[in-house]
């Protein structure tokens, strides 16, 4: 289930963020909305495209790679499935009543 998340003003001038393309920045914010309350989500370019860019002709795989290369996302595996973890998620997002994890712990 998608959640309301907060974007701090420093986001826009963060050194790693300003190195990313505009679409990668939007995709990154989209990962926050669709991640579980621990900052983890399925590593699926197709799913990310459907969630964040439903009406756009955008390939999200290069965007995910860009965010990984900037160390904003981390790829990890559990039980043969691949996931993404948002670096610093719990530092920047306050979750008062966390739900059950939807992905294995990073």
PDB file of N, CA and C in Angstrom:
ATOM      1  N   UNK A   1       0.837  -1.177   0.000  1.00  0.00           N
ATOM      2  CA  UNK A   1       0.000   0.000   0.000  1.00  0.00           C
ATOM      3  C   UNK A   1       0.886   1.246   0.000  1.00  0.00           C
ATOM      4  N   UNK A   2       0.579   2.181  -0.834  1.00  0.00           N
ATOM      5  CA  UNK A   2       1.345   3.423  -0.902  1.00  0.00           C
ATOM      6  C   UNK A   2       1.123   4.237   0.364  1.00  0.00           C
ATOM      7  N   UNK A   3       2.151   4.997   0.737  1.00  0.00           N
ATOM      8  CA  UNK A   3       2.088   5.821   1.953  1.00  0.00           C
ATOM      9  C   UNK A   3       2.449   7.263   1.623  1.00  0.00           C
ATOM     10  N   UNK A   4       1.935   8.170   2.421  1.00  0.00           N
ATOM     11  CA  UNK A   4       2.322   9.571   2.302  1.00  0.00           C
ATOM     12  C   UNK A   4       3.702   9.709   2.925  1.00  0.00           C
ATOM     13  N   UNK A   5       4.625  10.324   2.204  1.00  0.00           N
ATOM     14  CA  UNK A   5       5.995  10.504   2.690  1.00  0.00           C
ATOM     15  C   UNK A   5       6.357  11.988   2.662  1.00  0.00           C
ATOM     16  N   UNK A   6       7.450  12.322   3.312  1.00  0.00           N
ATOM     17  CA  UNK A   6       7.901  13.701   3.430  1.00  0.00           C
ATOM     18  C   UNK A   6       9.174  13.908   2.622  1.00  0.00           C
ATOM     19  N   UNK A   7       9.246  15.040   1.936  1.00  0.00           N
ATOM     20  CA  UNK A   7      10.468  15.429   1.231  1.00  0.00           C
ATOM     21  C   UNK A   7      11.037  16.640   1.963  1.00  0.00           C
ATOM     22  N   UNK A   8      12.251  16.499   2.458  1.00  0.00           N
ATOM     23  CA  UNK A   8      12.899  17.608   3.148  1.00  0.00           C
ATOM     24  C   UNK A   8      13.465  18.583   2.112  1.00  0.00           C
ATOM     25  N   UNK A   9      13.525  19.868   2.446  1.00  0.00           N
ATOM     26  CA  UNK A   9      14.063  20.852   1.494  1.00  0.00           C
ATOM     27  C   UNK A   9      15.482  20.536   1.025  1.00  0.00           C
ATOM     28  N   UNK A  10      16.287  19.896   1.887  1.00  0.00           N
ATOM     29  CA  UNK A  10      17.667  19.570   1.524  1.00  0.00           C
ATOM     30  C   UNK A  10      17.756  18.554   0.391  1.00  0.00           C
ATOM     31  N   UNK A  11      16.669  17.850   0.127  1.00  0.00           N
ATOM     32  CA  UNK A  11      16.649  16.860  -0.950  1.00  0.00           C
ATOM     33  C   UNK A  11      17.134  17.473  -2.259  1.00  0.00           C
ATOM     34  N   UNK A  12      16.643  18.668  -2.566  1.00  0.00           N
ATOM     35  CA  UNK A  12      16.882  19.270  -3.870  1.00  0.00           C
ATOM     36  C   UNK A  12      18.322  19.715  -4.092  1.00  0.00           C
ATOM     37  N   UNK A  13      19.085  19.871  -3.018  1.00  0.00           N
ATOM     38  CA  UNK A  13      20.477  20.290  -3.157  1.00  0.00           C
ATOM     39  C   UNK A  13      21.465  19.225  -2.691  1.00  0.00           C
ATOM     40  N   UNK A  14      20.980  18.045  -2.358  1.00  0.00           N
ATOM     41  CA  UNK A  14      21.851  16.946  -1.948  1.00  0.00           C
ATOM     42  C   UNK A  14      22.800  16.593  -3.088  1.00  0.00           C
ATOM     43  N   UNK A  15      24.070  16.382  -2.761  1.00  0.00           N
ATOM     44  CA  UNK A  15      25.096  16.140  -3.779  1.00  0.00           C
ATOM     45  C   UNK A  15      24.781  14.946  -4.675  1.00  0.00           C
ATOM     46  N   UNK A  16      24.296  13.856  -4.112  1.00  0.00           N
ATOM     47  CA  UNK A  16      23.978  12.675  -4.921  1.00  0.00           C
ATOM     48  C   UNK A  16      22.739  12.913  -5.781  1.00  0.00           C
ATOM     49  N   UNK A  17      21.775  13.632  -5.257  1.00  0.00           N
ATOM     50  CA  UNK A  17      20.538  13.898  -5.997  1.00  0.00           C
ATOM     51  C   UNK A  17      20.793  14.782  -7.210  1.00  0.00           C
ATOM     52  N   UNK A  18      21.580  15.845  -7.029  1.00  0.00           N
ATOM     53  CA  UNK A  18      21.807  16.765  -8.152  1.00  0.00           C
ATOM     54  C   UNK A  18      22.587  16.116  -9.288  1.00  0.00           C
ATOM     55  N   UNK A  19      23.252  14.999  -9.022  1.00  0.00           N
ATOM     56  CA  UNK A  19      23.957  14.265 -10.074  1.00  0.00           C
ATOM     57  C   UNK A  19      23.009  13.399 -10.904  1.00  0.00           C
ATOM     58  N   UNK A  20      21.789  13.222 -10.438  1.00  0.00           N
ATOM     59  CA  UNK A  20      20.817  12.360 -11.123  1.00  0.00           C
ATOM     60  C   UNK A  20      19.993  13.143 -12.142  1.00  0.00           C
ATOM     61  N   UNK A  21      19.518  12.429 -13.137  1.00  0.00           N
ATOM     62  CA  UNK A  21      18.613  13.031 -14.109  1.00  0.00           C
ATOM     63  C   UNK A  21      17.279  13.360 -13.434  1.00  0.00           C
ATOM     64  N   UNK A  22      16.511  14.211 -14.061  1.00  0.00           N
ATOM     65  CA  UNK A  22      15.209  14.604 -13.515  1.00  0.00           C
ATOM     66  C   UNK A  22      14.311  13.390 -13.326  1.00  0.00           C
ATOM     67  N   UNK A  23      14.263  12.492 -14.305  1.00  0.00           N
ATOM     68  CA  UNK A  23      13.410  11.301 -14.179  1.00  0.00           C
ATOM     69  C   UNK A  23      13.890  10.376 -13.065  1.00  0.00           C
ATOM     70  N   UNK A  24      15.199  10.285 -12.858  1.00  0.00           N
ATOM     71  CA  UNK A  24      15.721   9.453 -11.770  1.00  0.00           C
ATOM     72  C   UNK A  24      15.328  10.048 -10.422  1.00  0.00           C
ATOM     73  N   UNK A  25      15.351  11.373 -10.315  1.00  0.00           N
ATOM     74  CA  UNK A  25      14.927  12.018  -9.070  1.00  0.00           C
ATOM     75  C   UNK A  25      13.468  11.705  -8.769  1.00  0.00           C
ATOM     76  N   UNK A  26      12.627  11.810  -9.785  1.00  0.00           N
ATOM     77  CA  UNK A  26      11.203  11.511  -9.589  1.00  0.00           C
ATOM     78  C   UNK A  26      11.003  10.035  -9.254  1.00  0.00           C
ATOM     79  N   UNK A  27      11.725   9.170  -9.919  1.00  0.00           N
ATOM     80  CA  UNK A  27      11.642   7.734  -9.613  1.00  0.00           C
ATOM     81  C   UNK A  27      12.063   7.465  -8.178  1.00  0.00           C
ATOM     82  N   UNK A  28      13.111   8.163  -7.714  1.00  0.00           N
ATOM     83  CA  UNK A  28      13.584   7.980  -6.345  1.00  0.00           C
ATOM     84  C   UNK A  28      12.510   8.369  -5.336  1.00  0.00           C
ATOM     85  N   UNK A  29      11.883   9.513  -5.538  1.00  0.00           N
ATOM     86  CA  UNK A  29      10.793   9.921  -4.652  1.00  0.00           C
ATOM     87  C   UNK A  29       9.660   8.899  -4.726  1.00  0.00           C
ATOM     88  N   UNK A  30       9.407   8.382  -5.911  1.00  0.00           N
ATOM     89  CA  UNK A  30       8.381   7.350  -6.063  1.00  0.00           C
ATOM     90  C   UNK A  30       8.681   6.089  -5.278  1.00  0.00           C
ATOM     91  N   UNK A  31       9.972   5.742  -5.174  1.00  0.00           N
ATOM     92  CA  UNK A  31      10.306   4.552  -4.381  1.00  0.00           C
ATOM     93  C   UNK A  31       9.919   4.747  -2.929  1.00  0.00           C
ATOM     94  N   UNK A  32      10.021   5.968  -2.423  1.00  0.00           N
ATOM     95  CA  UNK A  32       9.645   6.228  -1.024  1.00  0.00           C
ATOM     96  C   UNK A  32       8.170   5.934  -0.809  1.00  0.00           C
ATOM     97  N   UNK A  33       7.359   6.349  -1.763  1.00  0.00           N
ATOM     98  CA  UNK A  33       5.904   6.205  -1.635  1.00  0.00           C
ATOM     99  C   UNK A  33       5.490   4.736  -1.652  1.00  0.00           C
ATOM    100  N   UNK A  34       6.154   3.933  -2.459  1.00  0.00           N
ATOM    101  CA  UNK A  34       5.739   2.542  -2.642  1.00  0.00           C
ATOM    102  C   UNK A  34       6.566   1.536  -1.841  1.00  0.00           C
ATOM    103  N   UNK A  35       7.604   2.009  -1.152  1.00  0.00           N
ATOM    104  CA  UNK A  35       8.397   1.117  -0.295  1.00  0.00           C
ATOM    105  C   UNK A  35       7.599   0.771   0.959  1.00  0.00           C
ATOM    106  N   UNK A  36       7.985  -0.327   1.596  1.00  0.00           N
ATOM    107  CA  UNK A  36       7.371  -0.640   2.887  1.00  0.00           C
ATOM    108  C   UNK A  36       7.902   0.347   3.929  1.00  0.00           C
ATOM    109  N   UNK A  37       7.453   0.233   5.141  1.00  0.00           N
ATOM    110  CA  UNK A  37       7.813   1.197   6.186  1.00  0.00           C
ATOM    111  C   UNK A  37       9.251   1.072   6.673  1.00  0.00           C
ATOM    112  N   UNK A  38      10.022   0.203   6.040  1.00  0.00           N
ATOM    113  CA  UNK A  38      11.425   0.010   6.391  1.00  0.00           C
ATOM    114  C   UNK A  38      12.339   0.395   5.228  1.00  0.00           C
ATOM    115  N   UNK A  39      11.742   0.942   4.156  1.00  0.00           N
ATOM    116  CA  UNK A  39      12.517   1.416   3.012  1.00  0.00           C
ATOM    117  C   UNK A  39      12.901   0.348   2.016  1.00  0.00           C
ATOM    118  N   UNK A  40      12.138  -0.735   1.960  1.00  0.00           N
ATOM    119  CA  UNK A  40      12.438  -1.834   1.030  1.00  0.00           C
ATOM    120  C   UNK A  40      11.292  -2.026   0.042  1.00  0.00           C
ATOM    121  N   UNK A  41      11.646  -2.433  -1.169  1.00  0.00           N
ATOM    122  CA  UNK A  41      10.641  -2.711  -2.188  1.00  0.00           C
ATOM    123  C   UNK A  41      11.170  -3.729  -3.181  1.00  0.00           C
ATOM    124  N   UNK A  42      10.254  -4.336  -3.926  1.00  0.00           N
ATOM    125  CA  UNK A  42      10.654  -5.284  -4.971  1.00  0.00           C
ATOM    126  C   UNK A  42      11.528  -4.568  -5.987  1.00  0.00           C
ATOM    127  N   UNK A  43      12.516  -5.283  -6.494  1.00  0.00           N
ATOM    128  CA  UNK A  43      13.402  -4.726  -7.512  1.00  0.00           C
ATOM    129  C   UNK A  43      12.810  -5.065  -8.883  1.00  0.00           C
ATOM    130  N   UNK A  44      11.810  -4.296  -9.247  1.00  0.00           N
ATOM    131  CA  UNK A  44      11.108  -4.539 -10.496  1.00  0.00           C
ATOM    132  C   UNK A  44      10.960  -3.224 -11.259  1.00  0.00           C
ATOM    133  N   UNK A  45      11.702  -3.095 -12.349  1.00  0.00           N
ATOM    134  CA  UNK A  45      11.600  -1.898 -13.180  1.00  0.00           C
ATOM    135  C   UNK A  45      10.188  -1.768 -13.746  1.00  0.00           C
ATOM    136  N   UNK A  46       9.597  -2.881 -14.074  1.00  0.00           N
ATOM    137  CA  UNK A  46       8.240  -2.869 -14.632  1.00  0.00           C
ATOM    138  C   UNK A  46       7.224  -2.348 -13.613  1.00  0.00           C
ATOM    139  N   UNK A  47       7.346  -2.808 -12.382  1.00  0.00           N
ATOM    140  CA  UNK A  47       6.434  -2.370 -11.328  1.00  0.00           C
ATOM    141  C   UNK A  47       6.639  -0.885 -11.019  1.00  0.00           C
ATOM    142  N   UNK A  48       7.902  -0.451 -10.940  1.00  0.00           N
ATOM    143  CA  UNK A  48       8.195   0.953 -10.672  1.00  0.00           C
ATOM    144  C   UNK A  48       7.626   1.837 -11.777  1.00  0.00           C
ATOM    145  N   UNK A  49       7.750   1.405 -13.005  1.00  0.00           N
ATOM    146  CA  UNK A  49       7.198   2.164 -14.135  1.00  0.00           C
ATOM    147  C   UNK A  49       5.693   2.291 -13.994  1.00  0.00           C
ATOM    148  N   UNK A  50       5.020   1.190 -13.672  1.00  0.00           N
ATOM    149  CA  UNK A  50       3.562   1.200 -13.540  1.00  0.00           C
ATOM    150  C   UNK A  50       3.104   2.094 -12.386  1.00  0.00           C
ATOM    151  N   UNK A  51       3.889   2.147 -11.334  1.00  0.00           N
ATOM    152  CA  UNK A  51       3.501   2.927 -10.162  1.00  0.00           C
ATOM    153  C   UNK A  51       3.824   4.414 -10.308  1.00  0.00           C
ATOM    154  N   UNK A  52       5.005   4.732 -10.808  1.00  0.00           N
ATOM    155  CA  UNK A  52       5.476   6.115 -10.810  1.00  0.00           C
ATOM    156  C   UNK A  52       5.242   6.821 -12.140  1.00  0.00           C
ATOM    157  N   UNK A  53       5.322   6.091 -13.230  1.00  0.00           N
ATOM    158  CA  UNK A  53       5.184   6.685 -14.561  1.00  0.00           C
ATOM    159  C   UNK A  53       4.099   5.964 -15.377  1.00  0.00           C
ATOM    160  N   UNK A  54       2.875   5.833 -14.869  1.00  0.00           N
ATOM    161  CA  UNK A  54       1.879   4.991 -15.537  1.00  0.00           C
ATOM    162  C   UNK A  54       1.480   5.458 -16.939  1.00  0.00           C
ATOM    163  N   UNK A  55       1.556   6.745 -17.208  1.00  0.00           N
ATOM    164  CA  UNK A  55       1.126   7.256 -18.517  1.00  0.00           C
ATOM    165  C   UNK A  55       2.284   7.701 -19.394  1.00  0.00           C
ATOM    166  N   UNK A  56       3.511   7.397 -18.969  1.00  0.00           N
ATOM    167  CA  UNK A  56       4.684   7.868 -19.698  1.00  0.00           C
ATOM    168  C   UNK A  56       5.435   6.720 -20.355  1.00  0.00           C
ATOM    169  N   UNK A  57       6.043   7.015 -21.481  1.00  0.00           N
ATOM    170  CA  UNK A  57       6.857   6.038 -22.193  1.00  0.00           C
ATOM    171  C   UNK A  57       8.298   6.162 -21.685  1.00  0.00           C
ATOM    172  N   UNK A  58       8.530   5.604 -20.500  1.00  0.00           N
ATOM    173  CA  UNK A  58       9.833   5.710 -19.842  1.00  0.00           C
ATOM    174  C   UNK A  58      10.306   4.320 -19.448  1.00  0.00           C
ATOM    175  N   UNK A  59      11.568   4.036 -19.735  1.00  0.00           N
ATOM    176  CA  UNK A  59      12.193   2.792 -19.300  1.00  0.00           C
ATOM    177  C   UNK A  59      12.808   3.062 -17.933  1.00  0.00           C
ATOM    178  N   UNK A  60      12.308   2.414 -16.903  1.00  0.00           N
ATOM    179  CA  UNK A  60      12.780   2.695 -15.548  1.00  0.00           C
ATOM    180  C   UNK A  60      14.040   1.921 -15.162  1.00  0.00           C
ATOM    181  N   UNK A  61      14.411   0.912 -15.932  1.00  0.00           N
ATOM    182  CA  UNK A  61      15.629   0.163 -15.599  1.00  0.00           C
ATOM    183  C   UNK A  61      16.863   1.071 -15.546  1.00  0.00           C
ATOM    184  N   UNK A  62      17.098   1.927 -16.555  1.00  0.00           N
ATOM    185  CA  UNK A  62      18.254   2.830 -16.451  1.00  0.00           C
ATOM    186  C   UNK A  62      18.158   3.786 -15.259  1.00  0.00           C
ATOM    187  N   UNK A  63      16.960   4.146 -14.877  1.00  0.00           N
ATOM    188  CA  UNK A  63      16.780   5.036 -13.726  1.00  0.00           C
ATOM    189  C   UNK A  63      17.170   4.321 -12.435  1.00  0.00           C
ATOM    190  N   UNK A  64      16.766   3.064 -12.305  1.00  0.00           N
ATOM    191  CA  UNK A  64      17.151   2.270 -11.141  1.00  0.00           C
ATOM    192  C   UNK A  64      18.674   2.134 -11.094  1.00  0.00           C
ATOM    193  N   UNK A  65      19.288   1.838 -12.239  1.00  0.00           N
ATOM    194  CA  UNK A  65      20.748   1.721 -12.299  1.00  0.00           C
ATOM    195  C   UNK A  65      21.433   3.035 -11.906  1.00  0.00           C
ATOM    196  N   UNK A  66      20.872   4.138 -12.345  1.00  0.00           N
ATOM    197  CA  UNK A  66      21.419   5.452 -12.010  1.00  0.00           C
ATOM    198  C   UNK A  66      21.352   5.696 -10.495  1.00  0.00           C
ATOM    199  N   UNK A  67      20.237   5.345  -9.886  1.00  0.00           N
ATOM    200  CA  UNK A  67      20.069   5.533  -8.441  1.00  0.00           C
ATOM    201  C   UNK A  67      20.967   4.600  -7.645  1.00  0.00           C
ATOM    202  N   UNK A  68      21.192   3.400  -8.161  1.00  0.00           N
ATOM    203  CA  UNK A  68      22.131   2.476  -7.518  1.00  0.00           C
ATOM    204  C   UNK A  68      23.555   3.027  -7.628  1.00  0.00           C
ATOM    205  N   UNK A  69      23.914   3.536  -8.801  1.00  0.00           N
ATOM    206  CA  UNK A  69      25.274   4.061  -8.994  1.00  0.00           C
ATOM    207  C   UNK A  69      25.544   5.282  -8.119  1.00  0.00           C
ATOM    208  N   UNK A  70      24.507   6.031  -7.770  1.00  0.00           N
ATOM    209  CA  UNK A  70      24.655   7.182  -6.873  1.00  0.00           C
ATOM    210  C   UNK A  70      24.541   6.774  -5.402  1.00  0.00           C
ATOM    211  N   UNK A  71      24.394   5.474  -5.170  1.00  0.00           N
ATOM    212  CA  UNK A  71      24.281   4.903  -3.819  1.00  0.00           C
ATOM    213  C   UNK A  71      23.038   5.393  -3.075  1.00  0.00           C
ATOM    214  N   UNK A  72      22.005   5.715  -3.827  1.00  0.00           N
ATOM    215  CA  UNK A  72      20.728   6.100  -3.228  1.00  0.00           C
ATOM    216  C   UNK A  72      19.862   4.868  -2.984  1.00  0.00           C
ATOM    217  N   UNK A  73      20.030   3.873  -3.852  1.00  0.00           N
ATOM    218  CA  UNK A  73      19.364   2.582  -3.698  1.00  0.00           C
ATOM    219  C   UNK A  73      20.428   1.499  -3.606  1.00  0.00           C
ATOM    220  N   UNK A  74      20.112   0.440  -2.874  1.00  0.00           N
ATOM    221  CA  UNK A  74      20.992  -0.717  -2.765  1.00  0.00           C
ATOM    222  C   UNK A  74      20.192  -1.936  -3.179  1.00  0.00           C
ATOM    223  N   UNK A  75      20.795  -2.748  -4.017  1.00  0.00           N
ATOM    224  CA  UNK A  75      20.184  -4.002  -4.458  1.00  0.00           C
ATOM    225  C   UNK A  75      20.594  -5.105  -3.487  1.00  0.00           C
ATOM    226  N   UNK A  76      19.638  -5.943  -3.094  1.00  0.00           N
ATOM    227  CA  UNK A  76      19.964  -7.088  -2.244  1.00  0.00           C
ATOM    228  C   UNK A  76      19.040  -8.243  -2.587  1.00  0.00           C
ATOM    229  N   UNK A  77      19.443  -9.442  -2.208  1.00  0.00           N
ATOM    230  CA  UNK A  77      18.671 -10.639  -2.527  1.00  0.00           C
ATOM    231  C   UNK A  77      18.325 -11.407  -1.272  1.00  0.00           C
ATOM    232  N   UNK A  78      17.197 -12.095  -1.343  1.00  0.00           N
ATOM    233  CA  UNK A  78      16.762 -12.972  -0.266  1.00  0.00           C
ATOM    234  C   UNK A  78      15.892 -14.060  -0.884  1.00  0.00           C
ATOM    235  N   UNK A  79      16.211 -15.300  -0.571  1.00  0.00           N
ATOM    236  CA  UNK A  79      15.446 -16.443  -1.082  1.00  0.00           C
ATOM    237  C   UNK A  79      15.273 -16.410  -2.598  1.00  0.00           C
ATOM    238  N   UNK A  80      16.325 -16.020  -3.305  1.00  0.00           N
ATOM    239  CA  UNK A  80      16.310 -16.039  -4.762  1.00  0.00           C
ATOM    240  C   UNK A  80      15.581 -14.878  -5.414  1.00  0.00           C
ATOM    241  N   UNK A  81      15.112 -13.914  -4.649  1.00  0.00           N
ATOM    242  CA  UNK A  81      14.410 -12.757  -5.195  1.00  0.00           C
ATOM    243  C   UNK A  81      15.216 -11.504  -4.887  1.00  0.00           C
ATOM    244  N   UNK A  82      15.167 -10.519  -5.785  1.00  0.00           N
ATOM    245  CA  UNK A  82      15.947  -9.299  -5.633  1.00  0.00           C
ATOM    246  C   UNK A  82      15.057  -8.140  -5.187  1.00  0.00           C
ATOM    247  N   UNK A  83      15.607  -7.333  -4.298  1.00  0.00           N
ATOM    248  CA  UNK A  83      14.892  -6.198  -3.725  1.00  0.00           C
ATOM    249  C   UNK A  83      15.759  -4.953  -3.797  1.00  0.00           C
ATOM    250  N   UNK A  84      15.143  -3.813  -3.498  1.00  0.00           N
ATOM    251  CA  UNK A  84      15.861  -2.552  -3.375  1.00  0.00           C
ATOM    252  C   UNK A  84      15.662  -2.017  -1.965  1.00  0.00           C
ATOM    253  N   UNK A  85      16.724  -1.420  -1.436  1.00  0.00           N
ATOM    254  CA  UNK A  85      16.651  -0.739  -0.149  1.00  0.00           C
ATOM    255  C   UNK A  85      17.008   0.720  -0.386  1.00  0.00           C
ATOM    256  N   UNK A  86      16.225   1.618   0.189  1.00  0.00           N
ATOM    257  CA  UNK A  86      16.464   3.049   0.065  1.00  0.00           C
ATOM    258  C   UNK A  86      17.431   3.465   1.177  1.00  0.00           C
ATOM    259  N   UNK A  87      18.620   3.920   0.782  1.00  0.00           N
ATOM    260  CA  UNK A  87      19.633   4.326   1.755  1.00  0.00           C
ATOM    261  C   UNK A  87      19.112   5.491   2.595  1.00  0.00           C
ATOM    262  N   UNK A  88      19.258   5.411   3.896  1.00  0.00           N
ATOM    263  CA  UNK A  88      18.867   6.487   4.789  1.00  0.00           C
ATOM    264  C   UNK A  88      17.367   6.655   4.972  1.00  0.00           C
ATOM    265  N   UNK A  89      16.593   5.688   4.526  1.00  0.00           N
ATOM    266  CA  UNK A  89      15.136   5.823   4.577  1.00  0.00           C
ATOM    267  C   UNK A  89      14.632   6.096   5.989  1.00  0.00           C
ATOM    268  N   UNK A  90      15.030   5.272   6.953  1.00  0.00           N
ATOM    269  CA  UNK A  90      14.510   5.425   8.310  1.00  0.00           C
ATOM    270  C   UNK A  90      15.060   6.683   8.985  1.00  0.00           C
ATOM    271  N   UNK A  91      16.149   7.215   8.484  1.00  0.00           N
ATOM    272  CA  UNK A  91      16.702   8.467   9.006  1.00  0.00           C
ATOM    273  C   UNK A  91      15.846   9.655   8.563  1.00  0.00           C
ATOM    274  N   UNK A  92      15.282   9.568   7.358  1.00  0.00           N
ATOM    275  CA  UNK A  92      14.555  10.695   6.781  1.00  0.00           C
ATOM    276  C   UNK A  92      13.034  10.567   6.821  1.00  0.00           C
ATOM    277  N   UNK A  93      12.528   9.383   7.062  1.00  0.00           N
ATOM    278  CA  UNK A  93      11.084   9.182   7.097  1.00  0.00           C
ATOM    279  C   UNK A  93      10.664   8.689   8.479  1.00  0.00           C
ATOM    280  N   UNK A  94       9.763   9.404   9.110  1.00  0.00           N
ATOM    281  CA  UNK A  94       9.262   8.999  10.420  1.00  0.00           C
ATOM    282  C   UNK A  94       7.964   8.225  10.213  1.00  0.00           C
ATOM    283  N   UNK A  95       7.942   6.998  10.678  1.00  0.00           N
ATOM    284  CA  UNK A  95       6.761   6.140  10.551  1.00  0.00           C
ATOM    285  C   UNK A  95       6.246   5.874  11.967  1.00  0.00           C
ATOM    286  N   UNK A  96       5.117   6.480  12.294  1.00  0.00           N
ATOM    287  CA  UNK A  96       4.576   6.353  13.646  1.00  0.00           C
ATOM    288  C   UNK A  96       4.027   4.963  13.940  1.00  0.00           C
ATOM    289  N   UNK A  97       3.344   4.388  12.975  1.00  0.00           N
ATOM    290  CA  UNK A  97       2.749   3.068  13.170  1.00  0.00           C
ATOM    291  C   UNK A  97       3.155   2.169  12.004  1.00  0.00           C
ATOM    292  N   UNK A  98       4.369   1.631  12.059  1.00  0.00           N
ATOM    293  CA  UNK A  98       4.843   0.828  10.924  1.00  0.00           C
ATOM    294  C   UNK A  98       3.992  -0.421  10.717  1.00  0.00           C
ATOM    295  N   UNK A  99       3.731  -0.697   9.450  1.00  0.00           N
ATOM    296  CA  UNK A  99       3.038  -1.922   9.093  1.00  0.00           C
ATOM    297  C   UNK A  99       4.012  -3.084   9.055  1.00  0.00           C
ATOM    298  N   UNK A 100       3.489  -4.241   8.773  1.00  0.00           N
ATOM    299  CA  UNK A 100       4.335  -5.426   8.639  1.00  0.00           C
ATOM    300  C   UNK A 100       5.235  -5.260   7.408  1.00  0.00           C
ATOM    301  N   UNK A 101       6.481  -5.712   7.497  1.00  0.00           N
ATOM    302  CA  UNK A 101       7.369  -5.630   6.327  1.00  0.00           C
ATOM    303  C   UNK A 101       6.780  -6.417   5.155  1.00  0.00           C
ATOM    304  N   UNK A 102       6.905  -5.850   3.961  1.00  0.00           N
ATOM    305  CA  UNK A 102       6.454  -6.555   2.747  1.00  0.00           C
ATOM    306  C   UNK A 102       7.621  -7.222   2.031  1.00  0.00           C
ATOM    307  N   UNK A 103       8.818  -6.854   2.445  1.00  0.00           N
ATOM    308  CA  UNK A 103      10.042  -7.414   1.856  1.00  0.00           C
ATOM    309  C   UNK A 103      10.932  -7.885   2.999  1.00  0.00           C
ATOM    310  N   UNK A 104      11.826  -8.834   2.705  1.00  0.00           N
ATOM    311  CA  UNK A 104      12.798  -9.240   3.729  1.00  0.00           C
ATOM    312  C   UNK A 104      13.657  -8.065   4.157  1.00  0.00           C
ATOM    313  N   UNK A 105      14.131  -8.111   5.378  1.00  0.00           N
ATOM    314  CA  UNK A 105      14.965  -7.044   5.920  1.00  0.00           C
ATOM    315  C   UNK A 105      16.271  -6.931   5.153  1.00  0.00           C
ATOM    316  N   UNK A 106      16.698  -5.700   4.902  1.00  0.00           N
ATOM    317  CA  UNK A 106      17.979  -5.452   4.232  1.00  0.00           C
ATOM    318  C   UNK A 106      19.104  -5.731   5.197  1.00  0.00           C
TER     319      UNK A 106
END
